């Protein structure tokens, strides 16, 4: 009996180790985890500042804003669509919400208006793409310009905080039990939508719609409604990240968020979500966002020209697209 239990335990441990090694070496999420771990070790050795509570808190807070938007983008890309307007949303939502807060001193109203803007922009993107038949990349690139122009039209430069609502400042800068609120917001959103994507009927619909919309339609799946939900969700989560950024900056700025859409899309693609839809991973998206933020943080800490931060984002997108193309070729061969 004792021997059998020992053998069983050894077999169980061996099986777990085998699965762990396979995940680390043969999945995109595992490889990303190894790369992030290696860079964190390197930066810890090279910089006394990197692995300090303050720097890790700043890094994770910055990760949170991109990651929150990337959660919605992951679902949307898996469904076979894309939203390039999320960067301009950072500016548009920011200036509108700050104006509402200054004029009403009502935090609930300001947040409600911000989220409503996300719903409206998401719905417009969905209508243009799904009803008018315009490619979602083209449609949302146009929306990027429209929303950015609206932000510039609303204010010449920025709208400063004159309401002095303390709770508003805490959203982007406060802590709960030593953990920054933006990090808590992200992990709550991540866990909710990880469950939705992997454990619910809607999650299965998203994958089915992205993999083969014609077959999904024949199976009775409401393809347009699933994609519409993805557009709206992405818009709302872009608004959430915009409100957090607004709180951190304490002012609404019409030029903020330039290139933000590239970071969100690049992270989602690098995390293993296919550009052609049907395949994706929330865990991979999170690890890719952490990788991007770590590289940018390392550039600053190692005193490298900060202009390379933009270059890194572009390189990451190229690598992500190449990996996606390679993955699709392998699947085609199989």
C-alpha atoms as a PDB file:
ATOM      1  CA  UNK A   1       0.000   0.000   0.000  1.00  0.00           C
ATOM      2  CA  UNK A   2       2.722   2.435   1.041  1.00  0.00           C
ATOM      3  CA  UNK A   3       4.796   1.550  -2.006  1.00  0.00           C
ATOM      4  CA  UNK A   4       1.837   2.045  -4.312  1.00  0.00           C
ATOM      5  CA  UNK A   5       1.122   5.446  -2.792  1.00  0.00           C
ATOM      6  CA  UNK A   6       4.763   6.468  -3.248  1.00  0.00           C
ATOM      7  CA  UNK A   7       4.826   5.301  -6.848  1.00  0.00           C
ATOM      8  CA  UNK A   8       1.554   7.116  -7.498  1.00  0.00           C
ATOM      9  CA  UNK A   9       2.866  10.342  -5.950  1.00  0.00           C
ATOM     10  CA  UNK A  10       6.108  10.088  -7.958  1.00  0.00           C
ATOM     11  CA  UNK A  11       4.152   9.506 -11.157  1.00  0.00           C
ATOM     12  CA  UNK A  12       1.917  12.477 -10.370  1.00  0.00           C
ATOM     13  CA  UNK A  13       4.893  14.768  -9.713  1.00  0.00           C
ATOM     14  CA  UNK A  14       6.666  13.517 -12.825  1.00  0.00           C
ATOM     15  CA  UNK A  15       3.573  14.123 -14.937  1.00  0.00           C
ATOM     16  CA  UNK A  16       3.212  17.645 -13.516  1.00  0.00           C
ATOM     17  CA  UNK A  17       6.867  18.431 -14.245  1.00  0.00           C
ATOM     18  CA  UNK A  18       6.520  17.097 -17.795  1.00  0.00           C
ATOM     19  CA  UNK A  19       3.476  19.281 -18.418  1.00  0.00           C
ATOM     20  CA  UNK A  20       5.229  22.311 -16.918  1.00  0.00           C
ATOM     21  CA  UNK A  21       8.318  21.810 -19.111  1.00  0.00           C
ATOM     22  CA  UNK A  22       6.147  21.344 -22.188  1.00  0.00           C
ATOM     23  CA  UNK A  23       4.238  24.556 -21.365  1.00  0.00           C
ATOM     24  CA  UNK A  24       7.463  26.515 -20.879  1.00  0.00           C
ATOM     25  CA  UNK A  25       9.185  25.307 -24.043  1.00  0.00           C
ATOM     26  CA  UNK A  26       6.359  24.599 -26.494  1.00  0.00           C
ATOM     27  CA  UNK A  27       3.730  27.282 -25.904  1.00  0.00           C
ATOM     28  CA  UNK A  28       3.875  30.992 -26.639  1.00  0.00           C
ATOM     29  CA  UNK A  29       2.835  31.801 -23.079  1.00  0.00           C
ATOM     30  CA  UNK A  30       5.607  29.622 -21.649  1.00  0.00           C
ATOM     31  CA  UNK A  31       8.291  31.126 -23.870  1.00  0.00           C
ATOM     32  CA  UNK A  32       7.105  34.631 -22.956  1.00  0.00           C
ATOM     33  CA  UNK A  33       7.281  33.704 -19.278  1.00  0.00           C
ATOM     34  CA  UNK A  34      10.892  32.540 -19.683  1.00  0.00           C
ATOM     35  CA  UNK A  35      11.835  35.708 -21.596  1.00  0.00           C
ATOM     36  CA  UNK A  36      10.233  37.969 -18.958  1.00  0.00           C
ATOM     37  CA  UNK A  37      11.946  36.045 -16.152  1.00  0.00           C
ATOM     38  CA  UNK A  38      15.326  36.277 -17.900  1.00  0.00           C
ATOM     39  CA  UNK A  39      14.972  40.045 -18.471  1.00  0.00           C
ATOM     40  CA  UNK A  40      13.872  40.607 -14.871  1.00  0.00           C
ATOM     41  CA  UNK A  41      16.947  38.717 -13.618  1.00  0.00           C
ATOM     42  CA  UNK A  42      19.216  40.680 -15.968  1.00  0.00           C
ATOM     43  CA  UNK A  43      17.770  44.048 -14.906  1.00  0.00           C
ATOM     44  CA  UNK A  44      17.952  43.098 -11.232  1.00  0.00           C
ATOM     45  CA  UNK A  45      21.675  42.429 -11.659  1.00  0.00           C
ATOM     46  CA  UNK A  46      22.297  45.532 -13.764  1.00  0.00           C
ATOM     47  CA  UNK A  47      20.245  48.023 -11.759  1.00  0.00           C
ATOM     48  CA  UNK A  48      19.832  48.447  -8.013  1.00  0.00           C
ATOM     49  CA  UNK A  49      16.550  50.256  -8.656  1.00  0.00           C
ATOM     50  CA  UNK A  50      14.709  47.690 -10.799  1.00  0.00           C
ATOM     51  CA  UNK A  51      13.642  45.153  -8.162  1.00  0.00           C
ATOM     52  CA  UNK A  52      12.543  47.703  -5.582  1.00  0.00           C
ATOM     53  CA  UNK A  53       8.981  47.963  -4.362  1.00  0.00           C
ATOM     54  CA  UNK A  54       8.616  51.467  -5.782  1.00  0.00           C
ATOM     55  CA  UNK A  55       9.818  50.562  -9.286  1.00  0.00           C
ATOM     56  CA  UNK A  56       7.816  47.324  -9.481  1.00  0.00           C
ATOM     57  CA  UNK A  57       4.735  49.252  -8.322  1.00  0.00           C
ATOM     58  CA  UNK A  58       5.264  51.874 -11.039  1.00  0.00           C
ATOM     59  CA  UNK A  59       5.897  49.199 -13.673  1.00  0.00           C
ATOM     60  CA  UNK A  60       2.757  47.228 -12.756  1.00  0.00           C
ATOM     61  CA  UNK A  61       0.653  50.397 -12.627  1.00  0.00           C
ATOM     62  CA  UNK A  62       1.813  51.271 -16.149  1.00  0.00           C
ATOM     63  CA  UNK A  63       1.190  47.678 -17.259  1.00  0.00           C
ATOM     64  CA  UNK A  64      -2.345  47.840 -15.899  1.00  0.00           C
ATOM     65  CA  UNK A  65      -3.562  50.616 -18.203  1.00  0.00           C
ATOM     66  CA  UNK A  66      -2.323  48.886 -21.365  1.00  0.00           C
ATOM     67  CA  UNK A  67      -3.381  45.467 -20.081  1.00  0.00           C
ATOM     68  CA  UNK A  68      -6.960  46.547 -19.303  1.00  0.00           C
ATOM     69  CA  UNK A  69      -7.428  47.703 -22.899  1.00  0.00           C
ATOM     70  CA  UNK A  70      -5.600  44.613 -24.178  1.00  0.00           C
ATOM     71  CA  UNK A  71      -8.142  42.358 -22.421  1.00  0.00           C
ATOM     72  CA  UNK A  72     -10.896  43.759 -24.639  1.00  0.00           C
ATOM     73  CA  UNK A  73      -8.611  43.735 -27.677  1.00  0.00           C
ATOM     74  CA  UNK A  74      -7.857  40.042 -27.110  1.00  0.00           C
ATOM     75  CA  UNK A  75     -11.537  39.131 -27.261  1.00  0.00           C
ATOM     76  CA  UNK A  76     -12.101  41.359 -30.288  1.00  0.00           C
ATOM     77  CA  UNK A  77      -9.107  39.962 -32.214  1.00  0.00           C
ATOM     78  CA  UNK A  78     -10.109  36.383 -31.434  1.00  0.00           C
ATOM     79  CA  UNK A  79     -13.506  37.172 -32.950  1.00  0.00           C
ATOM     80  CA  UNK A  80     -11.732  38.294 -36.135  1.00  0.00           C
ATOM     81  CA  UNK A  81     -11.954  42.090 -35.733  1.00  0.00           C
ATOM     82  CA  UNK A  82      -9.628  44.877 -34.524  1.00  0.00           C
ATOM     83  CA  UNK A  83      -9.944  48.347 -32.960  1.00  0.00           C
ATOM     84  CA  UNK A  84      -7.218  50.891 -33.729  1.00  0.00           C
ATOM     85  CA  UNK A  85      -9.083  53.793 -32.101  1.00  0.00           C
ATOM     86  CA  UNK A  86      -8.251  52.944 -28.469  1.00  0.00           C
ATOM     87  CA  UNK A  87      -5.260  55.310 -28.355  1.00  0.00           C
ATOM     88  CA  UNK A  88      -7.323  58.369 -29.221  1.00  0.00           C
ATOM     89  CA  UNK A  89      -9.880  57.263 -26.635  1.00  0.00           C
ATOM     90  CA  UNK A  90      -7.291  57.962 -23.946  1.00  0.00           C
ATOM     91  CA  UNK A  91      -7.351  61.646 -24.901  1.00  0.00           C
ATOM     92  CA  UNK A  92     -11.047  61.999 -25.798  1.00  0.00           C
ATOM     93  CA  UNK A  93     -12.396  60.322 -22.665  1.00  0.00           C
ATOM     94  CA  UNK A  94      -9.845  62.177 -20.541  1.00  0.00           C
ATOM     95  CA  UNK A  95     -10.796  65.701 -21.596  1.00  0.00           C
ATOM     96  CA  UNK A  96     -14.550  65.001 -21.476  1.00  0.00           C
ATOM     97  CA  UNK A  97     -14.478  63.304 -18.061  1.00  0.00           C
ATOM     98  CA  UNK A  98     -12.291  65.997 -16.516  1.00  0.00           C
ATOM     99  CA  UNK A  99     -14.634  68.659 -17.844  1.00  0.00           C
ATOM    100  CA  UNK A 100     -17.660  66.854 -16.358  1.00  0.00           C
ATOM    101  CA  UNK A 101     -15.897  66.456 -13.003  1.00  0.00           C
ATOM    102  CA  UNK A 102     -14.884  70.118 -12.911  1.00  0.00           C
ATOM    103  CA  UNK A 103     -18.414  71.296 -13.714  1.00  0.00           C
ATOM    104  CA  UNK A 104     -20.396  68.902 -11.510  1.00  0.00           C
ATOM    105  CA  UNK A 105     -17.957  67.662  -8.839  1.00  0.00           C
ATOM    106  CA  UNK A 106     -19.783  64.348  -9.164  1.00  0.00           C
ATOM    107  CA  UNK A 107     -17.367  61.416  -9.497  1.00  0.00           C
ATOM    108  CA  UNK A 108     -20.065  58.842 -10.303  1.00  0.00           C
ATOM    109  CA  UNK A 109     -21.408  61.009 -13.122  1.00  0.00           C
ATOM    110  CA  UNK A 110     -17.929  61.598 -14.546  1.00  0.00           C
ATOM    111  CA  UNK A 111     -17.111  57.876 -14.595  1.00  0.00           C
ATOM    112  CA  UNK A 112     -20.538  57.057 -16.075  1.00  0.00           C
ATOM    113  CA  UNK A 113     -19.997  59.568 -18.876  1.00  0.00           C
ATOM    114  CA  UNK A 114     -16.543  58.098 -19.580  1.00  0.00           C
ATOM    115  CA  UNK A 115     -17.874  54.544 -19.797  1.00  0.00           C
ATOM    116  CA  UNK A 116     -20.804  55.704 -21.944  1.00  0.00           C
ATOM    117  CA  UNK A 117     -18.349  57.238 -24.411  1.00  0.00           C
ATOM    118  CA  UNK A 118     -16.655  53.849 -24.664  1.00  0.00           C
ATOM    119  CA  UNK A 119     -19.998  52.180 -25.405  1.00  0.00           C
ATOM    120  CA  UNK A 120     -20.902  54.792 -28.044  1.00  0.00           C
ATOM    121  CA  UNK A 121     -17.552  54.629 -29.863  1.00  0.00           C
ATOM    122  CA  UNK A 122     -17.641  50.816 -29.706  1.00  0.00           C
ATOM    123  CA  UNK A 123     -21.149  50.756 -31.175  1.00  0.00           C
ATOM    124  CA  UNK A 124     -20.204  53.155 -33.971  1.00  0.00           C
ATOM    125  CA  UNK A 125     -17.146  51.034 -34.824  1.00  0.00           C
ATOM    126  CA  UNK A 126     -19.352  47.944 -34.886  1.00  0.00           C
ATOM    127  CA  UNK A 127     -21.988  49.521 -37.132  1.00  0.00           C
ATOM    128  CA  UNK A 128     -19.380  50.796 -39.617  1.00  0.00           C
ATOM    129  CA  UNK A 129     -17.592  47.444 -39.722  1.00  0.00           C
ATOM    130  CA  UNK A 130     -20.469  44.986 -39.479  1.00  0.00           C
ATOM    131  CA  UNK A 131     -23.387  46.792 -41.097  1.00  0.00           C
ATOM    132  CA  UNK A 132     -21.566  48.830 -43.746  1.00  0.00           C
ATOM    133  CA  UNK A 133     -19.064  46.064 -44.459  1.00  0.00           C
ATOM    134  CA  UNK A 134     -15.938  48.220 -44.059  1.00  0.00           C
ATOM    135  CA  UNK A 135     -12.829  46.400 -42.856  1.00  0.00           C
ATOM    136  CA  UNK A 136     -12.531  47.002 -39.094  1.00  0.00           C
ATOM    137  CA  UNK A 137      -8.900  48.136 -39.354  1.00  0.00           C
ATOM    138  CA  UNK A 138      -9.839  50.848 -41.867  1.00  0.00           C
ATOM    139  CA  UNK A 139     -12.999  51.797 -39.962  1.00  0.00           C
ATOM    140  CA  UNK A 140     -11.249  52.155 -36.609  1.00  0.00           C
ATOM    141  CA  UNK A 141      -8.264  53.983 -38.101  1.00  0.00           C
ATOM    142  CA  UNK A 142     -10.777  56.535 -39.354  1.00  0.00           C
ATOM    143  CA  UNK A 143     -12.364  56.606 -35.890  1.00  0.00           C
ATOM    144  CA  UNK A 144      -8.901  57.150 -34.396  1.00  0.00           C
ATOM    145  CA  UNK A 145      -8.627  60.397 -36.390  1.00  0.00           C
ATOM    146  CA  UNK A 146     -12.201  61.441 -35.653  1.00  0.00           C
ATOM    147  CA  UNK A 147     -11.885  60.914 -31.909  1.00  0.00           C
ATOM    148  CA  UNK A 148      -8.465  62.564 -31.772  1.00  0.00           C
ATOM    149  CA  UNK A 149      -9.841  65.540 -33.680  1.00  0.00           C
ATOM    150  CA  UNK A 150     -12.762  65.731 -31.246  1.00  0.00           C
ATOM    151  CA  UNK A 151     -10.328  65.822 -28.325  1.00  0.00           C
ATOM    152  CA  UNK A 152      -8.388  68.680 -29.943  1.00  0.00           C
ATOM    153  CA  UNK A 153     -11.619  70.456 -30.766  1.00  0.00           C
ATOM    154  CA  UNK A 154     -12.797  70.192 -27.167  1.00  0.00           C
ATOM    155  CA  UNK A 155      -9.710  71.865 -25.708  1.00  0.00           C
ATOM    156  CA  UNK A 156      -6.643  73.657 -27.096  1.00  0.00           C
ATOM    157  CA  UNK A 157      -4.223  71.769 -24.849  1.00  0.00           C
ATOM    158  CA  UNK A 158      -5.421  70.358 -21.546  1.00  0.00           C
ATOM    159  CA  UNK A 159      -8.105  70.629 -18.881  1.00  0.00           C
ATOM    160  CA  UNK A 160      -6.643  70.936 -15.402  1.00  0.00           C
ATOM    161  CA  UNK A 161      -8.208  69.488 -12.269  1.00  0.00           C
ATOM    162  CA  UNK A 162     -10.220  72.155 -10.445  1.00  0.00           C
ATOM    163  CA  UNK A 163     -12.676  69.842  -8.644  1.00  0.00           C
ATOM    164  CA  UNK A 164     -10.199  68.419  -6.086  1.00  0.00           C
ATOM    165  CA  UNK A 165     -12.187  65.203  -5.520  1.00  0.00           C
ATOM    166  CA  UNK A 166      -9.821  63.109  -3.378  1.00  0.00           C
ATOM    167  CA  UNK A 167     -11.360  59.777  -4.387  1.00  0.00           C
ATOM    168  CA  UNK A 168     -10.692  60.583  -8.037  1.00  0.00           C
ATOM    169  CA  UNK A 169      -6.969  61.053  -7.329  1.00  0.00           C
ATOM    170  CA  UNK A 170      -6.901  57.715  -5.497  1.00  0.00           C
ATOM    171  CA  UNK A 171      -8.111  55.820  -8.597  1.00  0.00           C
ATOM    172  CA  UNK A 172      -4.764  56.125 -10.365  1.00  0.00           C
ATOM    173  CA  UNK A 173      -2.418  56.896  -7.485  1.00  0.00           C
ATOM    174  CA  UNK A 174      -3.824  55.230  -4.374  1.00  0.00           C
ATOM    175  CA  UNK A 175      -2.976  51.928  -2.708  1.00  0.00           C
ATOM    176  CA  UNK A 176      -4.930  49.155  -1.018  1.00  0.00           C
ATOM    177  CA  UNK A 177      -2.885  47.023   1.390  1.00  0.00           C
ATOM    178  CA  UNK A 178       0.247  48.299  -0.355  1.00  0.00           C
ATOM    179  CA  UNK A 179      -0.960  47.357  -3.854  1.00  0.00           C
ATOM    180  CA  UNK A 180      -1.670  50.185  -6.356  1.00  0.00           C
ATOM    181  CA  UNK A 181      -5.368  50.481  -7.218  1.00  0.00           C
ATOM    182  CA  UNK A 182      -4.676  50.280 -10.995  1.00  0.00           C
ATOM    183  CA  UNK A 183      -3.089  46.860 -10.438  1.00  0.00           C
ATOM    184  CA  UNK A 184      -6.104  45.702  -8.433  1.00  0.00           C
ATOM    185  CA  UNK A 185      -8.485  46.972 -11.129  1.00  0.00           C
ATOM    186  CA  UNK A 186      -6.533  45.109 -13.797  1.00  0.00           C
ATOM    187  CA  UNK A 187      -6.374  41.781 -11.974  1.00  0.00           C
ATOM    188  CA  UNK A 188     -10.114  41.937 -11.243  1.00  0.00           C
ATOM    189  CA  UNK A 189     -10.868  42.622 -14.924  1.00  0.00           C
ATOM    190  CA  UNK A 190      -8.357  39.987 -16.069  1.00  0.00           C
ATOM    191  CA  UNK A 191      -9.839  37.256 -13.855  1.00  0.00           C
ATOM    192  CA  UNK A 192     -13.401  38.081 -14.911  1.00  0.00           C
ATOM    193  CA  UNK A 193     -12.684  37.952 -18.625  1.00  0.00           C
ATOM    194  CA  UNK A 194     -10.277  35.020 -18.358  1.00  0.00           C
ATOM    195  CA  UNK A 195     -13.227  33.116 -16.909  1.00  0.00           C
ATOM    196  CA  UNK A 196     -15.592  34.500 -19.569  1.00  0.00           C
ATOM    197  CA  UNK A 197     -13.267  33.529 -22.423  1.00  0.00           C
ATOM    198  CA  UNK A 198     -12.387  30.045 -21.154  1.00  0.00           C
ATOM    199  CA  UNK A 199     -15.435  28.901 -19.197  1.00  0.00           C
ATOM    200  CA  UNK A 200     -18.569  30.413 -20.733  1.00  0.00           C
ATOM    201  CA  UNK A 201     -20.730  29.930 -23.818  1.00  0.00           C
ATOM    202  CA  UNK A 202     -19.872  33.466 -24.940  1.00  0.00           C
ATOM    203  CA  UNK A 203     -16.164  32.592 -24.859  1.00  0.00           C
ATOM    204  CA  UNK A 204     -16.793  29.532 -27.028  1.00  0.00           C
ATOM    205  CA  UNK A 205     -18.826  31.679 -29.411  1.00  0.00           C
ATOM    206  CA  UNK A 206     -15.966  34.195 -29.696  1.00  0.00           C
ATOM    207  CA  UNK A 207     -13.514  31.467 -30.706  1.00  0.00           C
ATOM    208  CA  UNK A 208     -15.980  29.864 -33.118  1.00  0.00           C
ATOM    209  CA  UNK A 209     -16.825  33.175 -34.801  1.00  0.00           C
ATOM    210  CA  UNK A 210     -13.170  34.050 -35.298  1.00  0.00           C
ATOM    211  CA  UNK A 211     -12.184  30.595 -36.542  1.00  0.00           C
ATOM    212  CA  UNK A 212     -14.955  30.252 -39.120  1.00  0.00           C
ATOM    213  CA  UNK A 213     -17.805  32.798 -39.199  1.00  0.00           C
ATOM    214  CA  UNK A 214     -19.700  30.895 -41.906  1.00  0.00           C
ATOM    215  CA  UNK A 215     -19.695  27.663 -39.899  1.00  0.00           C
ATOM    216  CA  UNK A 216     -20.616  29.612 -36.759  1.00  0.00           C
ATOM    217  CA  UNK A 217     -23.625  31.115 -38.561  1.00  0.00           C
ATOM    218  CA  UNK A 218     -24.756  27.662 -39.711  1.00  0.00           C
ATOM    219  CA  UNK A 219     -24.407  26.467 -36.097  1.00  0.00           C
ATOM    220  CA  UNK A 220     -26.847  29.165 -34.997  1.00  0.00           C
ATOM    221  CA  UNK A 221     -24.298  31.464 -33.348  1.00  0.00           C
ATOM    222  CA  UNK A 222     -25.243  35.184 -33.621  1.00  0.00           C
ATOM    223  CA  UNK A 223     -22.009  36.217 -35.319  1.00  0.00           C
ATOM    224  CA  UNK A 224     -22.725  39.943 -35.575  1.00  0.00           C
ATOM    225  CA  UNK A 225     -23.876  40.184 -31.970  1.00  0.00           C
ATOM    226  CA  UNK A 226     -20.734  38.437 -30.733  1.00  0.00           C
ATOM    227  CA  UNK A 227     -18.529  40.818 -32.710  1.00  0.00           C
ATOM    228  CA  UNK A 228     -20.599  43.830 -31.617  1.00  0.00           C
ATOM    229  CA  UNK A 229     -20.082  42.768 -27.987  1.00  0.00           C
ATOM    230  CA  UNK A 230     -16.324  42.627 -28.664  1.00  0.00           C
ATOM    231  CA  UNK A 231     -16.286  46.162 -30.087  1.00  0.00           C
ATOM    232  CA  UNK A 232     -18.311  47.574 -27.173  1.00  0.00           C
ATOM    233  CA  UNK A 233     -16.231  45.724 -24.588  1.00  0.00           C
ATOM    234  CA  UNK A 234     -13.023  47.060 -26.117  1.00  0.00           C
ATOM    235  CA  UNK A 235     -14.414  50.597 -26.108  1.00  0.00           C
ATOM    236  CA  UNK A 236     -15.508  50.345 -22.473  1.00  0.00           C
ATOM    237  CA  UNK A 237     -12.190  48.916 -21.277  1.00  0.00           C
ATOM    238  CA  UNK A 238     -10.317  51.600 -23.247  1.00  0.00           C
ATOM    239  CA  UNK A 239     -12.418  54.126 -21.311  1.00  0.00           C
ATOM    240  CA  UNK A 240     -11.556  52.440 -18.005  1.00  0.00           C
ATOM    241  CA  UNK A 241      -7.832  52.716 -18.771  1.00  0.00           C
ATOM    242  CA  UNK A 242      -8.356  56.337 -19.896  1.00  0.00           C
ATOM    243  CA  UNK A 243      -9.985  57.209 -16.556  1.00  0.00           C
ATOM    244  CA  UNK A 244      -7.098  55.612 -14.656  1.00  0.00           C
ATOM    245  CA  UNK A 245      -4.590  57.537 -16.790  1.00  0.00           C
ATOM    246  CA  UNK A 246      -6.573  60.738 -16.248  1.00  0.00           C
ATOM    247  CA  UNK A 247      -6.367  60.214 -12.495  1.00  0.00           C
ATOM    248  CA  UNK A 248      -2.617  59.586 -12.645  1.00  0.00           C
ATOM    249  CA  UNK A 249      -1.954  62.713 -14.752  1.00  0.00           C
ATOM    250  CA  UNK A 250      -4.569  64.787 -12.884  1.00  0.00           C
ATOM    251  CA  UNK A 251      -5.432  66.580 -16.129  1.00  0.00           C
ATOM    252  CA  UNK A 252      -7.168  65.804 -19.408  1.00  0.00           C
ATOM    253  CA  UNK A 253      -4.706  66.199 -22.290  1.00  0.00           C
ATOM    254  CA  UNK A 254      -5.729  66.148 -25.939  1.00  0.00           C
ATOM    255  CA  UNK A 255      -2.395  64.722 -27.123  1.00  0.00           C
ATOM    256  CA  UNK A 256      -2.165  61.785 -24.736  1.00  0.00           C
ATOM    257  CA  UNK A 257      -2.377  58.174 -25.921  1.00  0.00           C
ATOM    258  CA  UNK A 258      -0.431  58.524 -29.182  1.00  0.00           C
ATOM    259  CA  UNK A 259       0.830  55.039 -30.035  1.00  0.00           C
ATOM    260  CA  UNK A 260      -1.200  53.440 -27.234  1.00  0.00           C
ATOM    261  CA  UNK A 261      -3.181  51.417 -29.765  1.00  0.00           C
ATOM    262  CA  UNK A 262       0.051  49.915 -31.132  1.00  0.00           C
ATOM    263  CA  UNK A 263       1.095  48.805 -27.653  1.00  0.00           C
ATOM    264  CA  UNK A 264      -2.267  47.147 -26.980  1.00  0.00           C
ATOM    265  CA  UNK A 265      -2.500  45.440 -30.377  1.00  0.00           C
ATOM    266  CA  UNK A 266       1.189  44.463 -30.357  1.00  0.00           C
ATOM    267  CA  UNK A 267       0.887  42.898 -26.895  1.00  0.00           C
ATOM    268  CA  UNK A 268      -2.203  40.910 -27.888  1.00  0.00           C
ATOM    269  CA  UNK A 269      -0.520  39.563 -31.032  1.00  0.00           C
ATOM    270  CA  UNK A 270       2.728  38.768 -29.220  1.00  0.00           C
ATOM    271  CA  UNK A 271       0.708  36.975 -26.563  1.00  0.00           C
ATOM    272  CA  UNK A 272      -0.435  34.422 -29.107  1.00  0.00           C
ATOM    273  CA  UNK A 273      -3.726  35.827 -30.411  1.00  0.00           C
ATOM    274  CA  UNK A 274      -3.993  35.243 -34.140  1.00  0.00           C
ATOM    275  CA  UNK A 275      -4.412  38.224 -36.438  1.00  0.00           C
ATOM    276  CA  UNK A 276      -6.825  36.118 -38.480  1.00  0.00           C
ATOM    277  CA  UNK A 277      -8.983  35.301 -35.442  1.00  0.00           C
ATOM    278  CA  UNK A 278     -10.098  32.108 -33.735  1.00  0.00           C
ATOM    279  CA  UNK A 279      -7.148  31.719 -31.387  1.00  0.00           C
ATOM    280  CA  UNK A 280      -5.884  33.675 -28.399  1.00  0.00           C
ATOM    281  CA  UNK A 281      -4.869  33.682 -24.761  1.00  0.00           C
ATOM    282  CA  UNK A 282      -5.471  36.125 -21.902  1.00  0.00           C
ATOM    283  CA  UNK A 283      -2.408  34.797 -20.081  1.00  0.00           C
ATOM    284  CA  UNK A 284      -0.272  35.349 -23.170  1.00  0.00           C
ATOM    285  CA  UNK A 285      -1.599  38.901 -23.522  1.00  0.00           C
ATOM    286  CA  UNK A 286      -0.735  39.699 -19.909  1.00  0.00           C
ATOM    287  CA  UNK A 287       2.805  38.305 -20.222  1.00  0.00           C
ATOM    288  CA  UNK A 288       3.347  40.248 -23.456  1.00  0.00           C
ATOM    289  CA  UNK A 289       2.206  43.500 -21.810  1.00  0.00           C
ATOM    290  CA  UNK A 290       4.598  42.854 -18.935  1.00  0.00           C
ATOM    291  CA  UNK A 291       7.400  42.181 -21.429  1.00  0.00           C
ATOM    292  CA  UNK A 292       6.764  45.464 -23.261  1.00  0.00           C
ATOM    293  CA  UNK A 293       6.622  47.452 -20.018  1.00  0.00           C
ATOM    294  CA  UNK A 294       9.767  45.749 -18.690  1.00  0.00           C
ATOM    295  CA  UNK A 295      11.731  46.564 -21.843  1.00  0.00           C
ATOM    296  CA  UNK A 296      10.677  50.220 -21.627  1.00  0.00           C
ATOM    297  CA  UNK A 297      11.470  50.336 -17.920  1.00  0.00           C
ATOM    298  CA  UNK A 298      14.865  48.765 -18.562  1.00  0.00           C
ATOM    299  CA  UNK A 299      15.680  51.322 -21.265  1.00  0.00           C
ATOM    300  CA  UNK A 300      15.112  54.108 -18.730  1.00  0.00           C
ATOM    301  CA  UNK A 301      17.012  52.410 -15.884  1.00  0.00           C
ATOM    302  CA  UNK A 302      20.003  51.549 -18.077  1.00  0.00           C
ATOM    303  CA  UNK A 303      20.121  55.167 -19.301  1.00  0.00           C
ATOM    304  CA  UNK A 304      19.529  54.237 -22.948  1.00  0.00           C
ATOM    305  CA  UNK A 305      18.074  56.898 -25.250  1.00  0.00           C
ATOM    306  CA  UNK A 306      14.327  56.917 -24.489  1.00  0.00           C
ATOM    307  CA  UNK A 307      13.524  57.194 -28.209  1.00  0.00           C
ATOM    308  CA  UNK A 308      14.227  53.465 -28.413  1.00  0.00           C
ATOM    309  CA  UNK A 309      10.982  52.842 -26.501  1.00  0.00           C
ATOM    310  CA  UNK A 310       8.998  53.607 -29.653  1.00  0.00           C
ATOM    311  CA  UNK A 311      11.324  51.423 -31.715  1.00  0.00           C
ATOM    312  CA  UNK A 312      10.831  48.522 -29.306  1.00  0.00           C
ATOM    313  CA  UNK A 313       7.046  48.675 -29.766  1.00  0.00           C
ATOM    314  CA  UNK A 314       7.425  48.553 -33.553  1.00  0.00           C
ATOM    315  CA  UNK A 315       9.860  45.636 -33.400  1.00  0.00           C
ATOM    316  CA  UNK A 316       7.543  43.755 -31.060  1.00  0.00           C
ATOM    317  CA  UNK A 317       4.667  44.119 -33.531  1.00  0.00           C
ATOM    318  CA  UNK A 318       6.817  42.807 -36.404  1.00  0.00           C
ATOM    319  CA  UNK A 319       7.946  39.830 -34.312  1.00  0.00           C
ATOM    320  CA  UNK A 320       4.356  39.146 -33.243  1.00  0.00           C
ATOM    321  CA  UNK A 321       3.059  39.166 -36.831  1.00  0.00           C
ATOM    322  CA  UNK A 322       5.904  36.892 -37.970  1.00  0.00           C
ATOM    323  CA  UNK A 323       5.149  34.444 -35.141  1.00  0.00           C
ATOM    324  CA  UNK A 324       1.457  34.503 -36.039  1.00  0.00           C
ATOM    325  CA  UNK A 325       2.224  33.828 -39.713  1.00  0.00           C
ATOM    326  CA  UNK A 326       4.544  30.976 -38.760  1.00  0.00           C
ATOM    327  CA  UNK A 327       1.915  29.496 -36.444  1.00  0.00           C
ATOM    328  CA  UNK A 328      -0.734  29.642 -39.169  1.00  0.00           C
ATOM    329  CA  UNK A 329       1.612  27.955 -41.668  1.00  0.00           C
ATOM    330  CA  UNK A 330       2.290  25.136 -39.212  1.00  0.00           C
ATOM    331  CA  UNK A 331      -1.432  24.697 -38.572  1.00  0.00           C
ATOM    332  CA  UNK A 332      -2.028  24.571 -42.333  1.00  0.00           C
ATOM    333  CA  UNK A 333       0.631  21.885 -42.718  1.00  0.00           C
ATOM    334  CA  UNK A 334      -0.929  19.869 -39.895  1.00  0.00           C
END
